[in-house]
Amino acid sequence: MGAQRGRDLVLRLDQSGAGSFVTVAGLRARRLSFNADAVDVTDTESAGRWRELLDGAGVRRASLSGSGIFKDGASDAAARTIFFAGAIRSWQVVIPDFGTVSGPFQLTGLDYAGNHDGEVNYEISLESAGELTFAAA
């Protein structure tokens, strides 16, 4: 994947659960991070006492984060409603010239901030809550 504009990485939400995704408005910065826990199976007979890991085991997870401004009251209300309900919703991250990651996420952080002479901005954090899928572009 070559260089891409950051604004082309899009975060989308299925608000109703019906499979209809809408772009979350006003995001200026976004990040998607994948992580996996390793399962250590090293024992006294491991070659050279080097650590050995169990293939295909462990817990995989993804974290999404974004910051920006709310474009309208509807996007602000949707985020607040999901957060306070502790609801798990389907989200998509569209990565240009790479693909789309889709699956259930829980909104785990919602921060608001602002200066006296500027707009209110926010940061959101999401954690994967089930199996994610990837569709290549």
N, C-alpha and C. Protein backbone atom coordinates (compact mmCIF):
# COMPACT_ATOMS: atom_id res chain seq x y z
N MET A 1 0.86 -1.17 0.00
CA MET A 1 0.00 0.00 0.00
C MET A 1 0.90 1.23 0.00
N GLY A 2 0.70 2.11 -0.97
CA GLY A 2 1.45 3.35 -1.06
C GLY A 2 0.90 4.40 -0.12
N ALA A 3 1.47 5.60 -0.20
CA ALA A 3 1.02 6.70 0.65
C ALA A 3 -0.42 7.07 0.33
N GLN A 4 -1.21 7.34 1.37
CA GLN A 4 -2.62 7.70 1.22
C GLN A 4 -2.93 8.90 2.09
N ARG A 5 -3.97 9.64 1.73
CA ARG A 5 -4.45 10.74 2.56
C ARG A 5 -5.15 10.17 3.78
N GLY A 6 -4.83 10.70 4.96
CA GLY A 6 -5.47 10.24 6.19
C GLY A 6 -6.96 10.43 6.19
N ARG A 7 -7.44 11.44 5.50
CA ARG A 7 -8.89 11.70 5.48
C ARG A 7 -9.66 10.62 4.74
N ASP A 8 -8.95 9.81 3.95
CA ASP A 8 -9.62 8.76 3.19
C ASP A 8 -9.88 7.51 4.02
N LEU A 9 -9.31 7.42 5.21
CA LEU A 9 -9.61 6.32 6.12
C LEU A 9 -10.93 6.69 6.81
N VAL A 10 -11.96 5.89 6.58
CA VAL A 10 -13.31 6.25 6.99
C VAL A 10 -13.81 5.29 8.07
N LEU A 11 -14.45 5.85 9.09
CA LEU A 11 -15.08 5.08 10.16
C LEU A 11 -16.58 5.16 9.98
N ARG A 12 -17.22 3.98 9.87
CA ARG A 12 -18.67 3.92 9.60
C ARG A 12 -19.37 3.10 10.68
N LEU A 13 -20.62 3.45 10.96
CA LEU A 13 -21.41 2.85 12.03
C LEU A 13 -22.74 2.34 11.51
N ASP A 14 -23.14 1.15 11.97
CA ASP A 14 -24.48 0.63 11.72
C ASP A 14 -25.32 0.97 12.95
N GLN A 15 -26.00 2.11 12.93
CA GLN A 15 -26.73 2.60 14.11
C GLN A 15 -27.91 1.73 14.48
N SER A 16 -28.59 1.17 13.51
CA SER A 16 -29.83 0.46 13.79
C SER A 16 -29.67 -1.06 13.91
N GLY A 17 -28.52 -1.58 13.46
CA GLY A 17 -28.32 -3.01 13.46
C GLY A 17 -28.89 -3.69 12.23
N ALA A 18 -29.36 -2.89 11.26
CA ALA A 18 -29.97 -3.43 10.05
C ALA A 18 -28.97 -3.64 8.91
N GLY A 19 -27.69 -3.34 9.16
CA GLY A 19 -26.68 -3.52 8.12
C GLY A 19 -26.49 -2.32 7.22
N SER A 20 -27.05 -1.20 7.59
CA SER A 20 -26.92 0.04 6.82
C SER A 20 -25.90 0.93 7.52
N PHE A 21 -24.72 1.08 6.93
CA PHE A 21 -23.63 1.82 7.55
C PHE A 21 -23.63 3.27 7.09
N VAL A 22 -23.39 4.18 8.05
CA VAL A 22 -23.25 5.60 7.74
C VAL A 22 -21.90 6.07 8.27
N THR A 23 -21.30 7.00 7.56
CA THR A 23 -20.01 7.55 7.97
C THR A 23 -20.20 8.39 9.22
N VAL A 24 -19.34 8.18 10.22
CA VAL A 24 -19.38 8.99 11.44
C VAL A 24 -18.82 10.36 11.07
N ALA A 25 -19.61 11.37 11.26
CA ALA A 25 -19.27 12.70 10.79
C ALA A 25 -18.22 13.38 11.66
N GLY A 26 -17.40 14.20 11.03
CA GLY A 26 -16.51 15.10 11.75
C GLY A 26 -15.21 14.51 12.25
N LEU A 27 -14.87 13.29 11.89
CA LEU A 27 -13.60 12.74 12.36
C LEU A 27 -12.44 13.38 11.61
N ARG A 28 -11.50 13.91 12.36
CA ARG A 28 -10.32 14.51 11.74
C ARG A 28 -9.11 13.59 11.83
N ALA A 29 -9.09 12.73 12.81
CA ALA A 29 -7.99 11.77 12.97
C ALA A 29 -8.59 10.43 13.36
N ARG A 30 -8.05 9.36 12.79
CA ARG A 30 -8.56 8.01 13.07
C ARG A 30 -7.39 7.06 13.17
N ARG A 31 -7.60 5.98 13.92
CA ARG A 31 -6.54 4.99 14.07
C ARG A 31 -7.17 3.62 14.29
N LEU A 32 -6.60 2.61 13.64
CA LEU A 32 -7.01 1.22 13.82
C LEU A 32 -5.78 0.44 14.21
N SER A 33 -5.88 -0.30 15.30
CA SER A 33 -4.74 -1.06 15.81
C SER A 33 -5.16 -2.50 16.07
N PHE A 34 -4.37 -3.45 15.56
CA PHE A 34 -4.61 -4.88 15.80
C PHE A 34 -3.58 -5.40 16.79
N ASN A 35 -4.00 -6.26 17.70
CA ASN A 35 -3.10 -6.85 18.69
C ASN A 35 -3.47 -8.31 18.90
N ALA A 36 -2.49 -9.08 19.36
CA ALA A 36 -2.72 -10.49 19.68
C ALA A 36 -1.86 -10.88 20.86
N ASP A 37 -2.43 -11.64 21.77
CA ASP A 37 -1.67 -12.17 22.90
C ASP A 37 -1.06 -13.50 22.48
N ALA A 38 0.20 -13.68 22.83
CA ALA A 38 0.89 -14.93 22.53
C ALA A 38 0.67 -15.92 23.68
N VAL A 39 0.67 -17.22 23.34
CA VAL A 39 0.57 -18.27 24.34
C VAL A 39 1.92 -18.96 24.42
N ASP A 40 2.58 -18.80 25.55
CA ASP A 40 3.93 -19.33 25.78
C ASP A 40 3.83 -20.80 26.18
N VAL A 41 4.48 -21.68 25.41
CA VAL A 41 4.48 -23.12 25.70
C VAL A 41 5.91 -23.63 25.94
N THR A 42 6.78 -22.72 26.35
CA THR A 42 8.16 -23.09 26.62
C THR A 42 8.23 -24.04 27.81
N ASP A 43 9.09 -25.05 27.70
CA ASP A 43 9.31 -25.97 28.82
C ASP A 43 10.80 -26.26 28.95
N THR A 44 11.15 -27.13 29.85
CA THR A 44 12.57 -27.41 30.12
C THR A 44 13.27 -28.07 28.94
N GLU A 45 12.51 -28.63 28.00
CA GLU A 45 13.12 -29.27 26.84
C GLU A 45 13.10 -28.39 25.59
N SER A 46 12.75 -27.13 25.73
CA SER A 46 12.73 -26.23 24.58
C SER A 46 14.15 -26.04 24.06
N ALA A 47 14.32 -26.08 22.76
CA ALA A 47 15.65 -26.00 22.12
C ALA A 47 16.37 -24.72 22.55
N GLY A 48 17.54 -24.89 23.14
CA GLY A 48 18.35 -23.75 23.56
C GLY A 48 17.70 -22.86 24.59
N ARG A 49 16.65 -23.35 25.22
CA ARG A 49 15.85 -22.61 26.20
C ARG A 49 15.27 -21.33 25.60
N TRP A 50 15.01 -21.40 24.30
CA TRP A 50 14.32 -20.29 23.64
C TRP A 50 12.82 -20.42 23.85
N ARG A 51 12.19 -19.31 23.96
CA ARG A 51 10.74 -19.29 24.15
C ARG A 51 10.06 -19.91 22.93
N GLU A 52 9.01 -20.68 23.19
CA GLU A 52 8.20 -21.27 22.13
C GLU A 52 6.77 -20.77 22.30
N LEU A 53 6.14 -20.46 21.17
CA LEU A 53 4.77 -19.97 21.18
C LEU A 53 3.86 -20.96 20.47
N LEU A 54 2.64 -21.04 20.94
CA LEU A 54 1.65 -21.94 20.36
C LEU A 54 1.01 -21.27 19.15
N ASP A 55 1.15 -21.91 18.00
CA ASP A 55 0.64 -21.39 16.74
C ASP A 55 -0.89 -21.30 16.76
N GLY A 56 -1.43 -20.15 16.36
CA GLY A 56 -2.87 -19.98 16.23
C GLY A 56 -3.62 -19.79 17.52
N ALA A 57 -2.94 -19.67 18.64
CA ALA A 57 -3.61 -19.53 19.93
C ALA A 57 -3.56 -18.07 20.39
N GLY A 58 -4.21 -17.78 21.46
CA GLY A 58 -4.19 -16.44 22.03
C GLY A 58 -5.43 -15.66 21.66
N VAL A 59 -5.53 -14.48 22.23
CA VAL A 59 -6.68 -13.61 22.02
C VAL A 59 -6.29 -12.50 21.05
N ARG A 60 -7.08 -12.35 20.00
CA ARG A 60 -6.87 -11.25 19.05
C ARG A 60 -7.87 -10.15 19.36
N ARG A 61 -7.45 -8.92 19.13
CA ARG A 61 -8.34 -7.79 19.37
C ARG A 61 -7.95 -6.63 18.48
N ALA A 62 -8.89 -5.71 18.32
CA ALA A 62 -8.65 -4.51 17.55
C ALA A 62 -9.15 -3.32 18.36
N SER A 63 -8.48 -2.22 18.22
CA SER A 63 -8.87 -0.97 18.87
C SER A 63 -9.03 0.10 17.80
N LEU A 64 -10.08 0.86 17.92
CA LEU A 64 -10.34 1.98 17.03
C LEU A 64 -10.34 3.25 17.86
N SER A 65 -9.82 4.32 17.32
CA SER A 65 -9.93 5.60 18.00
C SER A 65 -10.07 6.69 16.95
N GLY A 66 -10.69 7.77 17.34
CA GLY A 66 -10.86 8.88 16.43
C GLY A 66 -11.10 10.15 17.21
N SER A 67 -10.81 11.27 16.57
CA SER A 67 -11.06 12.56 17.19
C SER A 67 -11.50 13.54 16.13
N GLY A 68 -12.19 14.57 16.55
CA GLY A 68 -12.64 15.58 15.61
C GLY A 68 -13.74 16.42 16.20
N ILE A 69 -14.64 16.88 15.33
CA ILE A 69 -15.78 17.68 15.77
C ILE A 69 -17.05 16.98 15.31
N PHE A 70 -18.11 17.18 16.06
CA PHE A 70 -19.41 16.65 15.64
C PHE A 70 -19.98 17.60 14.58
N LYS A 71 -20.30 17.04 13.44
CA LYS A 71 -20.83 17.82 12.33
C LYS A 71 -22.26 18.26 12.61
N ASP A 72 -22.99 17.40 13.32
CA ASP A 72 -24.39 17.72 13.61
C ASP A 72 -24.81 17.04 14.91
N GLY A 73 -25.98 17.38 15.38
CA GLY A 73 -26.49 16.82 16.62
C GLY A 73 -26.78 15.34 16.54
N ALA A 74 -27.10 14.85 15.35
CA ALA A 74 -27.43 13.43 15.19
C ALA A 74 -26.21 12.54 15.45
N SER A 75 -25.04 12.93 14.95
CA SER A 75 -23.86 12.10 15.18
C SER A 75 -23.43 12.15 16.64
N ASP A 76 -23.58 13.29 17.27
CA ASP A 76 -23.28 13.43 18.69
C ASP A 76 -24.24 12.56 19.51
N ALA A 77 -25.53 12.64 19.20
CA ALA A 77 -26.53 11.86 19.93
C ALA A 77 -26.32 10.37 19.75
N ALA A 78 -25.96 9.94 18.55
CA ALA A 78 -25.73 8.51 18.30
C ALA A 78 -24.57 8.00 19.16
N ALA A 79 -23.47 8.75 19.20
CA ALA A 79 -22.32 8.34 20.00
C ALA A 79 -22.67 8.28 21.48
N ARG A 80 -23.33 9.31 21.98
CA ARG A 80 -23.72 9.34 23.40
C ARG A 80 -24.65 8.19 23.75
N THR A 81 -25.65 7.94 22.91
CA THR A 81 -26.61 6.87 23.17
C THR A 81 -25.93 5.52 23.24
N ILE A 82 -25.05 5.26 22.28
CA ILE A 82 -24.32 3.99 22.25
C ILE A 82 -23.42 3.85 23.47
N PHE A 83 -22.74 4.94 23.82
CA PHE A 83 -21.83 4.88 24.97
C PHE A 83 -22.60 4.62 26.27
N PHE A 84 -23.60 5.41 26.56
CA PHE A 84 -24.32 5.27 27.83
C PHE A 84 -25.10 3.97 27.94
N ALA A 85 -25.48 3.39 26.81
CA ALA A 85 -26.16 2.10 26.83
C ALA A 85 -25.18 0.94 26.96
N GLY A 86 -23.89 1.21 26.76
CA GLY A 86 -22.90 0.13 26.77
C GLY A 86 -23.13 -0.82 25.62
N ALA A 87 -23.75 -0.31 24.56
CA ALA A 87 -24.18 -1.14 23.44
C ALA A 87 -23.00 -1.55 22.55
N ILE A 88 -23.14 -2.70 21.98
CA ILE A 88 -22.19 -3.20 20.99
C ILE A 88 -22.86 -3.05 19.64
N ARG A 89 -22.18 -2.37 18.73
CA ARG A 89 -22.71 -2.12 17.39
C ARG A 89 -21.69 -2.56 16.35
N SER A 90 -22.17 -2.76 15.15
CA SER A 90 -21.29 -3.08 14.03
C SER A 90 -20.67 -1.79 13.50
N TRP A 91 -19.38 -1.83 13.29
CA TRP A 91 -18.62 -0.71 12.75
C TRP A 91 -17.81 -1.20 11.57
N GLN A 92 -17.45 -0.29 10.69
CA GLN A 92 -16.55 -0.58 9.58
C GLN A 92 -15.45 0.46 9.55
N VAL A 93 -14.26 0.01 9.20
CA VAL A 93 -13.15 0.92 8.93
C VAL A 93 -12.73 0.67 7.50
N VAL A 94 -12.87 1.69 6.67
CA VAL A 94 -12.51 1.58 5.26
C VAL A 94 -11.11 2.18 5.10
N ILE A 95 -10.16 1.32 4.72
CA ILE A 95 -8.77 1.73 4.54
C ILE A 95 -8.52 1.81 3.04
N PRO A 96 -8.23 3.01 2.51
CA PRO A 96 -8.12 3.17 1.07
C PRO A 96 -7.06 2.26 0.45
N ASP A 97 -7.39 1.69 -0.70
CA ASP A 97 -6.50 0.81 -1.47
C ASP A 97 -6.03 -0.40 -0.68
N PHE A 98 -6.71 -0.74 0.41
CA PHE A 98 -6.34 -1.88 1.24
C PHE A 98 -7.54 -2.79 1.46
N GLY A 99 -8.60 -2.23 2.07
CA GLY A 99 -9.79 -3.02 2.32
C GLY A 99 -10.64 -2.46 3.43
N THR A 100 -11.61 -3.26 3.85
CA THR A 100 -12.56 -2.86 4.89
C THR A 100 -12.55 -3.88 6.02
N VAL A 101 -12.41 -3.40 7.25
CA VAL A 101 -12.50 -4.23 8.44
C VAL A 101 -13.88 -3.98 9.03
N SER A 102 -14.63 -5.05 9.29
CA SER A 102 -15.99 -4.92 9.81
C SER A 102 -16.19 -5.84 11.00
N GLY A 103 -17.06 -5.41 11.91
CA GLY A 103 -17.40 -6.27 13.03
C GLY A 103 -17.94 -5.50 14.21
N PRO A 104 -18.24 -6.23 15.29
CA PRO A 104 -18.81 -5.61 16.47
C PRO A 104 -17.75 -4.92 17.33
N PHE A 105 -18.09 -3.73 17.78
CA PHE A 105 -17.21 -2.96 18.67
C PHE A 105 -18.06 -2.33 19.76
N GLN A 106 -17.43 -2.12 20.91
CA GLN A 106 -18.08 -1.38 21.99
C GLN A 106 -17.37 -0.04 22.13
N LEU A 107 -18.15 1.04 22.23
CA LEU A 107 -17.60 2.37 22.42
C LEU A 107 -17.18 2.47 23.88
N THR A 108 -15.87 2.50 24.13
CA THR A 108 -15.35 2.44 25.50
C THR A 108 -14.86 3.78 26.03
N GLY A 109 -14.76 4.77 25.17
CA GLY A 109 -14.33 6.09 25.62
C GLY A 109 -14.97 7.18 24.79
N LEU A 110 -15.43 8.22 25.45
CA LEU A 110 -16.03 9.37 24.78
C LEU A 110 -15.62 10.61 25.57
N ASP A 111 -14.70 11.38 25.01
CA ASP A 111 -14.15 12.57 25.68
C ASP A 111 -14.54 13.82 24.91
N TYR A 112 -14.92 14.85 25.65
CA TYR A 112 -15.24 16.14 25.05
C TYR A 112 -14.26 17.17 25.57
N ALA A 113 -13.85 18.11 24.72
CA ALA A 113 -12.94 19.18 25.13
C ALA A 113 -13.17 20.39 24.25
N GLY A 114 -12.70 21.52 24.69
CA GLY A 114 -12.80 22.73 23.88
C GLY A 114 -12.14 23.91 24.55
N ASN A 115 -11.68 24.82 23.74
CA ASN A 115 -11.11 26.07 24.23
C ASN A 115 -12.19 27.14 24.25
N HIS A 116 -11.95 28.19 25.02
CA HIS A 116 -12.95 29.26 25.14
C HIS A 116 -13.20 29.96 23.80
N ASP A 117 -12.24 29.90 22.90
CA ASP A 117 -12.38 30.60 21.62
C ASP A 117 -12.45 29.64 20.43
N GLY A 118 -12.88 28.40 20.68
CA GLY A 118 -12.93 27.43 19.60
C GLY A 118 -14.11 26.48 19.73
N GLU A 119 -14.14 25.51 18.84
CA GLU A 119 -15.21 24.54 18.81
C GLU A 119 -15.01 23.45 19.86
N VAL A 120 -16.10 22.75 20.19
CA VAL A 120 -16.03 21.57 21.04
C VAL A 120 -15.55 20.42 20.16
N ASN A 121 -14.57 19.69 20.64
CA ASN A 121 -14.11 18.52 19.90
C ASN A 121 -14.24 17.31 20.80
N TYR A 122 -14.09 16.13 20.21
CA TYR A 122 -14.27 14.90 20.96
C TYR A 122 -13.25 13.87 20.53
N GLU A 123 -13.10 12.87 21.37
CA GLU A 123 -12.31 11.68 21.05
C GLU A 123 -13.16 10.47 21.41
N ILE A 124 -13.15 9.47 20.54
CA ILE A 124 -13.85 8.23 20.83
C ILE A 124 -12.87 7.07 20.78
N SER A 125 -13.14 6.05 21.57
CA SER A 125 -12.34 4.83 21.59
C SER A 125 -13.30 3.65 21.50
N LEU A 126 -12.94 2.68 20.67
CA LEU A 126 -13.76 1.48 20.50
C LEU A 126 -12.87 0.25 20.62
N GLU A 127 -13.42 -0.81 21.20
CA GLU A 127 -12.72 -2.08 21.34
C GLU A 127 -13.54 -3.18 20.68
N SER A 128 -12.86 -4.07 19.98
CA SER A 128 -13.57 -5.16 19.31
C SER A 128 -14.29 -6.02 20.33
N ALA A 129 -15.46 -6.51 19.92
CA ALA A 129 -16.31 -7.29 20.83
C ALA A 129 -16.77 -8.59 20.18
N GLY A 130 -16.01 -9.08 19.24
CA GLY A 130 -16.37 -10.30 18.54
C GLY A 130 -15.48 -10.46 17.33
N GLU A 131 -15.84 -11.42 16.48
CA GLU A 131 -15.04 -11.71 15.30
C GLU A 131 -15.11 -10.59 14.28
N LEU A 132 -13.96 -10.20 13.75
CA LEU A 132 -13.88 -9.19 12.72
C LEU A 132 -13.63 -9.86 11.38
N THR A 133 -14.10 -9.22 10.33
CA THR A 133 -13.86 -9.72 8.98
C THR A 133 -13.09 -8.66 8.21
N PHE A 134 -12.39 -9.14 7.17
CA PHE A 134 -11.63 -8.24 6.31
C PHE A 134 -11.99 -8.53 4.87
N ALA A 135 -12.31 -7.50 4.12
CA ALA A 135 -12.59 -7.61 2.69
C ALA A 135 -11.60 -6.73 1.96
N ALA A 136 -10.76 -7.34 1.12
CA ALA A 136 -9.75 -6.59 0.38
C ALA A 136 -10.40 -5.64 -0.61
N ALA A 137 -9.74 -4.52 -0.85
CA ALA A 137 -10.24 -3.52 -1.81
C ALA A 137 -10.12 -4.04 -3.22
